[in-house]
């Protein structure tokens, strides 16, 4: 069955660091030509949608920010819908803090109800220490995503995961984590595309986020081998992808039948 829409990871799938993955532009051009709905999903909460939009445009993609859903945006929506009226202490880069404020959440350091932890590349001891004391005083820990590592051009940087573990272990609390593999990202992405989530397809490079989300939701998935996962990593995994491909350049071949079905 032809997917109702595609959710496409960015880091390690469309580009790696500042380098576009060969065939990625042709893949997106194919989706646009075939009028197949798609939205870019990223767990990386160290930048804003405007940043990612500019990055994609610099690589030749004519994409607006309405096609980009970050874990930051998803987390803000979650808080506004399910934690309305709560005071939030935001731990984020200055640009992401501004985006969060523009989305309707202002940071409060005094007696907050929630500590919102993003992938903050400007994080300091003072921020971590403040978060610790807030959580010990009863604040809930909400994090944008669980990733331990973030891909760069030729390696990986430390991501948010270990900071979540640090605060969780110190305070003996269980955090609420919104990004992939949380099904909330899938639901929000389907809503963005205006499609039925059951017939969507996830495209990404990570087994424990992209593929696990798809597996948990029982939707089709494509694991590409341009990022973190290797083909041998799939063996023995419960969250097995529907397809394993070298890169997104191979995905148009899935739509090979005359009626466009898989």
C-alpha atoms as a PDB file:
ATOM      1  CA  UNK A   1       0.000   0.000   0.000  1.00  0.00           C
ATOM      2  CA  UNK A   2       1.231   3.472  -0.879  1.00  0.00           C
ATOM      3  CA  UNK A   3       2.135   5.322   2.360  1.00  0.00           C
ATOM      4  CA  UNK A   4      -0.147   8.196   3.260  1.00  0.00           C
ATOM      5  CA  UNK A   5       2.895  10.222   4.236  1.00  0.00           C
ATOM      6  CA  UNK A   6       6.588   9.936   5.122  1.00  0.00           C
ATOM      7  CA  UNK A   7       8.317  11.026   8.316  1.00  0.00           C
ATOM      8  CA  UNK A   8      11.966  11.639   7.499  1.00  0.00           C
ATOM      9  CA  UNK A   9      14.801  11.984   9.991  1.00  0.00           C
ATOM     10  CA  UNK A  10      17.466  14.570   9.111  1.00  0.00           C
ATOM     11  CA  UNK A  11      20.784  14.004  10.940  1.00  0.00           C
ATOM     12  CA  UNK A  12      22.393  10.913   9.402  1.00  0.00           C
ATOM     13  CA  UNK A  13      19.541  10.474   6.918  1.00  0.00           C
ATOM     14  CA  UNK A  14      19.381  13.594   4.736  1.00  0.00           C
ATOM     15  CA  UNK A  15      22.705  15.074   5.789  1.00  0.00           C
ATOM     16  CA  UNK A  16      25.547  14.392   8.187  1.00  0.00           C
ATOM     17  CA  UNK A  17      26.859  17.517   9.834  1.00  0.00           C
ATOM     18  CA  UNK A  18      27.141  20.066   7.016  1.00  0.00           C
ATOM     19  CA  UNK A  19      27.408  17.467   4.255  1.00  0.00           C
ATOM     20  CA  UNK A  20      24.365  16.477   2.231  1.00  0.00           C
ATOM     21  CA  UNK A  21      23.991  12.731   1.701  1.00  0.00           C
ATOM     22  CA  UNK A  22      24.238  11.867  -2.021  1.00  0.00           C
ATOM     23  CA  UNK A  23      20.836  11.333  -3.571  1.00  0.00           C
ATOM     24  CA  UNK A  24      18.932  13.080  -0.772  1.00  0.00           C
ATOM     25  CA  UNK A  25      17.832  16.044  -2.892  1.00  0.00           C
ATOM     26  CA  UNK A  26      16.663  13.745  -5.673  1.00  0.00           C
ATOM     27  CA  UNK A  27      14.682  11.743  -3.106  1.00  0.00           C
ATOM     28  CA  UNK A  28      12.872  14.850  -1.832  1.00  0.00           C
ATOM     29  CA  UNK A  29      12.298  16.060  -5.396  1.00  0.00           C
ATOM     30  CA  UNK A  30      10.703  12.676  -6.108  1.00  0.00           C
ATOM     31  CA  UNK A  31       8.308  13.046  -3.164  1.00  0.00           C
ATOM     32  CA  UNK A  32       7.350  16.545  -4.270  1.00  0.00           C
ATOM     33  CA  UNK A  33       6.796  15.416  -7.866  1.00  0.00           C
ATOM     34  CA  UNK A  34       4.670  12.456  -6.757  1.00  0.00           C
ATOM     35  CA  UNK A  35       2.770  14.671  -4.273  1.00  0.00           C
ATOM     36  CA  UNK A  36       3.581  12.319  -1.402  1.00  0.00           C
ATOM     37  CA  UNK A  37       3.167  14.191   1.925  1.00  0.00           C
ATOM     38  CA  UNK A  38       6.264  14.303   4.116  1.00  0.00           C
ATOM     39  CA  UNK A  39       7.611  16.032   7.190  1.00  0.00           C
ATOM     40  CA  UNK A  40      11.151  16.179   8.544  1.00  0.00           C
ATOM     41  CA  UNK A  41      11.514  14.946  12.111  1.00  0.00           C
ATOM     42  CA  UNK A  42      14.546  15.617  14.242  1.00  0.00           C
ATOM     43  CA  UNK A  43      15.289  14.840  17.867  1.00  0.00           C
ATOM     44  CA  UNK A  44      18.051  17.430  17.825  1.00  0.00           C
ATOM     45  CA  UNK A  45      16.801  20.246  20.054  1.00  0.00           C
ATOM     46  CA  UNK A  46      19.951  22.364  19.971  1.00  0.00           C
ATOM     47  CA  UNK A  47      18.614  24.484  17.089  1.00  0.00           C
ATOM     48  CA  UNK A  48      15.340  26.041  15.936  1.00  0.00           C
ATOM     49  CA  UNK A  49      13.102  25.221  12.990  1.00  0.00           C
ATOM     50  CA  UNK A  50      14.381  28.400  11.306  1.00  0.00           C
ATOM     51  CA  UNK A  51      17.935  27.084  11.629  1.00  0.00           C
ATOM     52  CA  UNK A  52      17.062  23.726  10.066  1.00  0.00           C
ATOM     53  CA  UNK A  53      15.036  25.412   7.355  1.00  0.00           C
ATOM     54  CA  UNK A  54      18.039  27.595   6.481  1.00  0.00           C
ATOM     55  CA  UNK A  55      20.371  24.595   6.556  1.00  0.00           C
ATOM     56  CA  UNK A  56      18.173  22.612   4.184  1.00  0.00           C
ATOM     57  CA  UNK A  57      17.802  25.576   1.839  1.00  0.00           C
ATOM     58  CA  UNK A  58      21.574  26.056   1.749  1.00  0.00           C
ATOM     59  CA  UNK A  59      21.800  22.451   0.552  1.00  0.00           C
ATOM     60  CA  UNK A  60      19.317  23.063  -2.257  1.00  0.00           C
ATOM     61  CA  UNK A  61      16.058  22.008  -0.596  1.00  0.00           C
ATOM     62  CA  UNK A  62      13.182  24.446  -1.117  1.00  0.00           C
ATOM     63  CA  UNK A  63      11.570  23.552   2.205  1.00  0.00           C
ATOM     64  CA  UNK A  64       9.564  25.748   4.564  1.00  0.00           C
ATOM     65  CA  UNK A  65       9.588  25.378   8.337  1.00  0.00           C
ATOM     66  CA  UNK A  66       6.042  23.971   8.206  1.00  0.00           C
ATOM     67  CA  UNK A  67       7.655  20.724   7.022  1.00  0.00           C
ATOM     68  CA  UNK A  68       9.983  20.550  10.047  1.00  0.00           C
ATOM     69  CA  UNK A  69       8.993  19.112  13.424  1.00  0.00           C
ATOM     70  CA  UNK A  70      11.674  19.234  16.099  1.00  0.00           C
ATOM     71  CA  UNK A  71      11.532  17.540  19.478  1.00  0.00           C
ATOM     72  CA  UNK A  72      11.510  21.037  20.992  1.00  0.00           C
ATOM     73  CA  UNK A  73       8.292  21.995  19.207  1.00  0.00           C
ATOM     74  CA  UNK A  74       6.734  18.633  20.083  1.00  0.00           C
ATOM     75  CA  UNK A  75       7.677  19.068  23.751  1.00  0.00           C
ATOM     76  CA  UNK A  76       6.278  22.588  23.930  1.00  0.00           C
ATOM     77  CA  UNK A  77       2.995  21.349  22.450  1.00  0.00           C
ATOM     78  CA  UNK A  78       2.916  18.523  24.987  1.00  0.00           C
ATOM     79  CA  UNK A  79       3.450  20.918  27.901  1.00  0.00           C
ATOM     80  CA  UNK A  80       0.850  23.412  26.675  1.00  0.00           C
ATOM     81  CA  UNK A  81      -1.728  20.670  26.148  1.00  0.00           C
ATOM     82  CA  UNK A  82      -1.046  18.455  29.173  1.00  0.00           C
ATOM     83  CA  UNK A  83       0.723  20.700  31.684  1.00  0.00           C
ATOM     84  CA  UNK A  84      -1.167  23.939  31.107  1.00  0.00           C
ATOM     85  CA  UNK A  85      -0.508  26.689  33.629  1.00  0.00           C
ATOM     86  CA  UNK A  86       2.717  25.158  34.953  1.00  0.00           C
ATOM     87  CA  UNK A  87       5.855  27.255  35.548  1.00  0.00           C
ATOM     88  CA  UNK A  88       8.786  26.072  33.439  1.00  0.00           C
ATOM     89  CA  UNK A  89      12.547  26.359  33.949  1.00  0.00           C
ATOM     90  CA  UNK A  90      14.014  26.062  30.436  1.00  0.00           C
ATOM     91  CA  UNK A  91      17.517  24.693  29.866  1.00  0.00           C
ATOM     92  CA  UNK A  92      18.358  25.464  26.244  1.00  0.00           C
ATOM     93  CA  UNK A  93      20.601  27.457  23.941  1.00  0.00           C
ATOM     94  CA  UNK A  94      19.682  31.157  23.652  1.00  0.00           C
ATOM     95  CA  UNK A  95      18.129  30.680  20.191  1.00  0.00           C
ATOM     96  CA  UNK A  96      16.029  27.702  21.297  1.00  0.00           C
ATOM     97  CA  UNK A  97      14.981  29.558  24.460  1.00  0.00           C
ATOM     98  CA  UNK A  98      13.698  32.377  22.218  1.00  0.00           C
ATOM     99  CA  UNK A  99      11.797  29.913  20.030  1.00  0.00           C
ATOM    100  CA  UNK A 100      10.218  28.325  23.114  1.00  0.00           C
ATOM    101  CA  UNK A 101       9.158  31.791  24.305  1.00  0.00           C
ATOM    102  CA  UNK A 102       7.692  32.555  20.860  1.00  0.00           C
ATOM    103  CA  UNK A 103       5.705  29.318  21.151  1.00  0.00           C
ATOM    104  CA  UNK A 104       4.209  30.535  24.410  1.00  0.00           C
ATOM    105  CA  UNK A 105       6.437  29.285  27.237  1.00  0.00           C
ATOM    106  CA  UNK A 106       8.572  31.682  29.270  1.00  0.00           C
ATOM    107  CA  UNK A 107      11.342  30.383  31.499  1.00  0.00           C
ATOM    108  CA  UNK A 108      11.010  30.785  35.285  1.00  0.00           C
ATOM    109  CA  UNK A 109      13.903  29.894  37.560  1.00  0.00           C
ATOM    110  CA  UNK A 110      12.077  30.540  40.824  1.00  0.00           C
ATOM    111  CA  UNK A 111      10.120  27.541  42.133  1.00  0.00           C
ATOM    112  CA  UNK A 112       9.217  26.008  38.757  1.00  0.00           C
ATOM    113  CA  UNK A 113       6.817  23.087  38.326  1.00  0.00           C
ATOM    114  CA  UNK A 114       8.799  21.657  35.416  1.00  0.00           C
ATOM    115  CA  UNK A 115      12.448  21.534  34.380  1.00  0.00           C
ATOM    116  CA  UNK A 116      12.526  21.431  30.568  1.00  0.00           C
ATOM    117  CA  UNK A 117      15.826  19.952  29.391  1.00  0.00           C
ATOM    118  CA  UNK A 118      16.808  20.343  25.732  1.00  0.00           C
ATOM    119  CA  UNK A 119      20.074  19.527  23.942  1.00  0.00           C
ATOM    120  CA  UNK A 120      21.802  22.600  25.326  1.00  0.00           C
ATOM    121  CA  UNK A 121      25.260  23.126  23.856  1.00  0.00           C
ATOM    122  CA  UNK A 122      25.691  26.062  26.257  1.00  0.00           C
ATOM    123  CA  UNK A 123      24.931  24.003  29.367  1.00  0.00           C
ATOM    124  CA  UNK A 124      26.873  24.911  32.520  1.00  0.00           C
ATOM    125  CA  UNK A 125      27.360  23.619  36.035  1.00  0.00           C
ATOM    126  CA  UNK A 126      25.039  26.353  37.296  1.00  0.00           C
ATOM    127  CA  UNK A 127      22.226  25.199  34.989  1.00  0.00           C
ATOM    128  CA  UNK A 128      22.648  21.555  36.021  1.00  0.00           C
ATOM    129  CA  UNK A 129      22.840  22.464  39.686  1.00  0.00           C
ATOM    130  CA  UNK A 130      19.769  24.698  39.448  1.00  0.00           C
ATOM    131  CA  UNK A 131      17.846  21.885  37.694  1.00  0.00           C
ATOM    132  CA  UNK A 132      18.885  19.439  40.414  1.00  0.00           C
ATOM    133  CA  UNK A 133      17.578  21.664  43.199  1.00  0.00           C
ATOM    134  CA  UNK A 134      14.335  22.399  41.332  1.00  0.00           C
ATOM    135  CA  UNK A 135      13.634  18.684  40.821  1.00  0.00           C
ATOM    136  CA  UNK A 136      14.496  17.910  44.440  1.00  0.00           C
ATOM    137  CA  UNK A 137      11.948  20.557  45.404  1.00  0.00           C
ATOM    138  CA  UNK A 138       9.258  18.750  43.417  1.00  0.00           C
ATOM    139  CA  UNK A 139       9.632  19.909  39.805  1.00  0.00           C
ATOM    140  CA  UNK A 140       8.972  17.378  37.039  1.00  0.00           C
ATOM    141  CA  UNK A 141      11.839  16.607  34.640  1.00  0.00           C
ATOM    142  CA  UNK A 142      10.738  16.754  31.000  1.00  0.00           C
ATOM    143  CA  UNK A 143      13.326  16.204  28.258  1.00  0.00           C
ATOM    144  CA  UNK A 144      12.977  16.762  24.534  1.00  0.00           C
ATOM    145  CA  UNK A 145      14.572  13.479  23.397  1.00  0.00           C
ATOM    146  CA  UNK A 146      16.730  10.572  24.644  1.00  0.00           C
ATOM    147  CA  UNK A 147      19.686  10.529  22.209  1.00  0.00           C
ATOM    148  CA  UNK A 148      23.114   9.878  23.702  1.00  0.00           C
ATOM    149  CA  UNK A 149      25.037  11.037  20.623  1.00  0.00           C
ATOM    150  CA  UNK A 150      24.562  13.582  17.842  1.00  0.00           C
ATOM    151  CA  UNK A 151      26.129  12.936  14.397  1.00  0.00           C
ATOM    152  CA  UNK A 152      28.658  15.376  12.916  1.00  0.00           C
ATOM    153  CA  UNK A 153      30.471  15.276   9.569  1.00  0.00           C
ATOM    154  CA  UNK A 154      32.900  12.544  10.599  1.00  0.00           C
ATOM    155  CA  UNK A 155      32.119  11.575  14.200  1.00  0.00           C
ATOM    156  CA  UNK A 156      29.573  12.006  17.010  1.00  0.00           C
ATOM    157  CA  UNK A 157      29.127  14.616  19.742  1.00  0.00           C
ATOM    158  CA  UNK A 158      27.727  14.068  23.232  1.00  0.00           C
ATOM    159  CA  UNK A 159      23.953  14.676  23.190  1.00  0.00           C
ATOM    160  CA  UNK A 160      21.271  15.082  25.857  1.00  0.00           C
ATOM    161  CA  UNK A 161      20.977  11.448  26.985  1.00  0.00           C
ATOM    162  CA  UNK A 162      23.650  11.432  29.656  1.00  0.00           C
ATOM    163  CA  UNK A 163      22.390  14.695  31.151  1.00  0.00           C
ATOM    164  CA  UNK A 164      18.959  13.084  31.504  1.00  0.00           C
ATOM    165  CA  UNK A 165      20.605  10.132  33.256  1.00  0.00           C
ATOM    166  CA  UNK A 166      22.599  12.460  35.506  1.00  0.00           C
ATOM    167  CA  UNK A 167      19.564  14.402  36.726  1.00  0.00           C
ATOM    168  CA  UNK A 168      17.363  11.313  36.915  1.00  0.00           C
ATOM    169  CA  UNK A 169      19.908   9.353  38.941  1.00  0.00           C
ATOM    170  CA  UNK A 170      20.704  12.245  41.276  1.00  0.00           C
ATOM    171  CA  UNK A 171      17.043  12.968  42.018  1.00  0.00           C
ATOM    172  CA  UNK A 172      15.715   9.383  41.781  1.00  0.00           C
ATOM    173  CA  UNK A 173      12.959  10.550  39.436  1.00  0.00           C
ATOM    174  CA  UNK A 174      11.644   9.140  36.156  1.00  0.00           C
ATOM    175  CA  UNK A 175      11.783  11.757  33.380  1.00  0.00           C
ATOM    176  CA  UNK A 176       9.135  12.350  30.729  1.00  0.00           C
ATOM    177  CA  UNK A 177      10.855  12.190  27.325  1.00  0.00           C
ATOM    178  CA  UNK A 178       8.876  13.445  24.317  1.00  0.00           C
ATOM    179  CA  UNK A 179      11.006  12.913  21.182  1.00  0.00           C
ATOM    180  CA  UNK A 180      11.428   9.733  19.154  1.00  0.00           C
ATOM    181  CA  UNK A 181      10.674   6.932  19.961  1.00  0.00           C
ATOM    182  CA  UNK A 182       7.725   8.450  21.841  1.00  0.00           C
ATOM    183  CA  UNK A 183       4.580   7.925  19.735  1.00  0.00           C
ATOM    184  CA  UNK A 184       3.678  11.584  20.337  1.00  0.00           C
ATOM    185  CA  UNK A 185       6.180  12.580  17.641  1.00  0.00           C
ATOM    186  CA  UNK A 186       4.467  10.212  15.204  1.00  0.00           C
ATOM    187  CA  UNK A 187       1.020  11.544  16.067  1.00  0.00           C
ATOM    188  CA  UNK A 188       2.124  15.173  15.719  1.00  0.00           C
ATOM    189  CA  UNK A 189       3.868  14.477  12.408  1.00  0.00           C
ATOM    190  CA  UNK A 190       0.764  12.783  10.988  1.00  0.00           C
ATOM    191  CA  UNK A 191      -1.296  15.752  12.140  1.00  0.00           C
ATOM    192  CA  UNK A 192       1.133  18.140  10.432  1.00  0.00           C
ATOM    193  CA  UNK A 193       0.634  16.224   7.157  1.00  0.00           C
ATOM    194  CA  UNK A 194      -3.113  15.841   7.648  1.00  0.00           C
ATOM    195  CA  UNK A 195      -2.954  12.068   7.167  1.00  0.00           C
ATOM    196  CA  UNK A 196      -3.867   8.859   8.969  1.00  0.00           C
ATOM    197  CA  UNK A 197      -0.891   7.873  11.152  1.00  0.00           C
ATOM    198  CA  UNK A 198      -1.505   4.128  10.633  1.00  0.00           C
ATOM    199  CA  UNK A 199      -0.481   4.365   6.968  1.00  0.00           C
ATOM    200  CA  UNK A 200       2.619   6.535   7.374  1.00  0.00           C
ATOM    201  CA  UNK A 201       6.230   5.407   6.942  1.00  0.00           C
ATOM    202  CA  UNK A 202       9.293   6.354   9.012  1.00  0.00           C
ATOM    203  CA  UNK A 203      12.674   6.887   7.331  1.00  0.00           C
ATOM    204  CA  UNK A 204      15.754   7.153   9.545  1.00  0.00           C
ATOM    205  CA  UNK A 205      19.190   5.891  10.550  1.00  0.00           C
ATOM    206  CA  UNK A 206      18.696   4.875  14.192  1.00  0.00           C
ATOM    207  CA  UNK A 207      17.247   1.636  15.496  1.00  0.00           C
ATOM    208  CA  UNK A 208      16.465   2.772  19.044  1.00  0.00           C
ATOM    209  CA  UNK A 209      14.595   5.953  18.047  1.00  0.00           C
ATOM    210  CA  UNK A 210      13.423   5.984  14.415  1.00  0.00           C
ATOM    211  CA  UNK A 211      12.864   2.258  13.973  1.00  0.00           C
ATOM    212  CA  UNK A 212      11.584   1.669  17.504  1.00  0.00           C
ATOM    213  CA  UNK A 213       8.960   4.378  17.096  1.00  0.00           C
ATOM    214  CA  UNK A 214       7.805   2.802  13.842  1.00  0.00           C
ATOM    215  CA  UNK A 215       7.822  -0.694  15.324  1.00  0.00           C
ATOM    216  CA  UNK A 216       5.876   0.371  18.427  1.00  0.00           C
ATOM    217  CA  UNK A 217       3.285   2.083  16.222  1.00  0.00           C
ATOM    218  CA  UNK A 218       3.215  -0.857  13.783  1.00  0.00           C
ATOM    219  CA  UNK A 219       3.883   1.305  10.746  1.00  0.00           C
ATOM    220  CA  UNK A 220       6.271   0.707   7.835  1.00  0.00           C
ATOM    221  CA  UNK A 221       9.876   1.869   8.142  1.00  0.00           C
ATOM    222  CA  UNK A 222      13.077   2.278   6.154  1.00  0.00           C
ATOM    223  CA  UNK A 223      16.452   2.061   7.889  1.00  0.00           C
ATOM    224  CA  UNK A 224      19.169   3.843   5.923  1.00  0.00           C
ATOM    225  CA  UNK A 225      22.825   3.001   6.476  1.00  0.00           C
ATOM    226  CA  UNK A 226      24.211   6.527   6.085  1.00  0.00           C
ATOM    227  CA  UNK A 227      24.170   7.342   9.785  1.00  0.00           C
ATOM    228  CA  UNK A 228      24.539   5.457  13.033  1.00  0.00           C
ATOM    229  CA  UNK A 229      23.195   1.967  12.310  1.00  0.00           C
ATOM    230  CA  UNK A 230      25.000  -0.771  10.399  1.00  0.00           C
ATOM    231  CA  UNK A 231      23.301  -3.644   8.622  1.00  0.00           C
ATOM    232  CA  UNK A 232      24.648  -6.107  11.201  1.00  0.00           C
ATOM    233  CA  UNK A 233      22.998  -4.095  13.989  1.00  0.00           C
ATOM    234  CA  UNK A 234      19.586  -5.211  12.734  1.00  0.00           C
ATOM    235  CA  UNK A 235      20.241  -8.865  13.585  1.00  0.00           C
ATOM    236  CA  UNK A 236      18.477  -9.840  16.775  1.00  0.00           C
ATOM    237  CA  UNK A 237      16.701  -6.488  17.168  1.00  0.00           C
ATOM    238  CA  UNK A 238      13.031  -6.486  18.106  1.00  0.00           C
ATOM    239  CA  UNK A 239      12.443  -3.125  16.439  1.00  0.00           C
ATOM    240  CA  UNK A 240      13.245  -4.462  12.991  1.00  0.00           C
ATOM    241  CA  UNK A 241      12.750  -2.116  10.034  1.00  0.00           C
ATOM    242  CA  UNK A 242      10.505  -3.061   7.125  1.00  0.00           C
ATOM    243  CA  UNK A 243      13.295  -2.211   4.670  1.00  0.00           C
ATOM    244  CA  UNK A 244      17.062  -1.695   5.002  1.00  0.00           C
ATOM    245  CA  UNK A 245      18.642   0.493   2.310  1.00  0.00           C
ATOM    246  CA  UNK A 246      22.022   2.054   1.662  1.00  0.00           C
ATOM    247  CA  UNK A 247      20.550   5.558   1.561  1.00  0.00           C
ATOM    248  CA  UNK A 248      17.412   7.567   0.850  1.00  0.00           C
ATOM    249  CA  UNK A 249      18.502   7.587  -2.791  1.00  0.00           C
ATOM    250  CA  UNK A 250      17.194   4.011  -3.019  1.00  0.00           C
ATOM    251  CA  UNK A 251      13.729   4.732  -1.625  1.00  0.00           C
ATOM    252  CA  UNK A 252      12.054   5.849  -4.887  1.00  0.00           C
ATOM    253  CA  UNK A 253      12.655   2.285  -6.104  1.00  0.00           C
ATOM    254  CA  UNK A 254      10.039   1.151  -3.573  1.00  0.00           C
ATOM    255  CA  UNK A 255       7.428   2.970  -5.628  1.00  0.00           C
ATOM    256  CA  UNK A 256       8.188   0.890  -8.694  1.00  0.00           C
ATOM    257  CA  UNK A 257       4.754  -0.495  -9.499  1.00  0.00           C
ATOM    258  CA  UNK A 258       2.639   1.390 -12.051  1.00  0.00           C
ATOM    259  CA  UNK A 259       0.009   2.236  -9.411  1.00  0.00           C
ATOM    260  CA  UNK A 260       2.670   3.553  -7.008  1.00  0.00           C
ATOM    261  CA  UNK A 261       2.149   0.849  -4.404  1.00  0.00           C
ATOM    262  CA  UNK A 262       4.971  -0.792  -2.488  1.00  0.00           C
END
